[in-house]
Amino acid sequence: MLKRAVLMLLMLQLTVVPGCSKGPPPIEKKPTSPVSGVLHIDGKPTASVQLYLHPADNAPSDQSTPFTASPSAVTDDAGKFAFGTYDSGDGLPEGSYVISSYWDGGVVQPLIRDNDDPPKLPAGAEKFNRQYGSPAASKIKFTVEPGKPVDLGVLDLKSK
């Protein structure tokens, strides 16, 4: 009987304790404004290009971003995109931004490893010759003002 009571007490603790723990604090959602555009590569609308945003006044030299949310967009078949911060296409908080991008050229493959050499991207993944992948190298900058939609127009990137 004592074993049964101890077992019941342990089971009760396991069900109560997880309910008391706190998760991560909620993200403070700032007001956003729509930001959209069309992306061309070598003059043609291109699908599946991933666009990432970084603060323009303090752009990191790599792909990391200091946002609590990760503002991004992906182009559709017509090259159209709409940035989202908290949800897909919901826009961006006010501020100045720089865009970095990644395009695998339609090649979806894992990284290639040769023995102990560092991993290499598949040939198709180097379509931009690394000229847009870093916010420090990107020249695509814009500013969002509160309540004002931003149309970036057509961004024509070069693959070579």
Foldseek 3Di string as FASTA:
>chain_A
DVVVVVVVVVVVCVVPVVVPDDDDDDDDDDQFAKEKEFEAEPPAGDFFKKKWKEAPVDFDFAQDHPDPFTWIWTAHHRRIIIIDGHDGRRHGHWHKIAMAIWDLQPDDDDFDDDPPDPTHRPPSRCQQVPQRHTSVNGPDMDTDDPPDYHYPYYHYGYRD
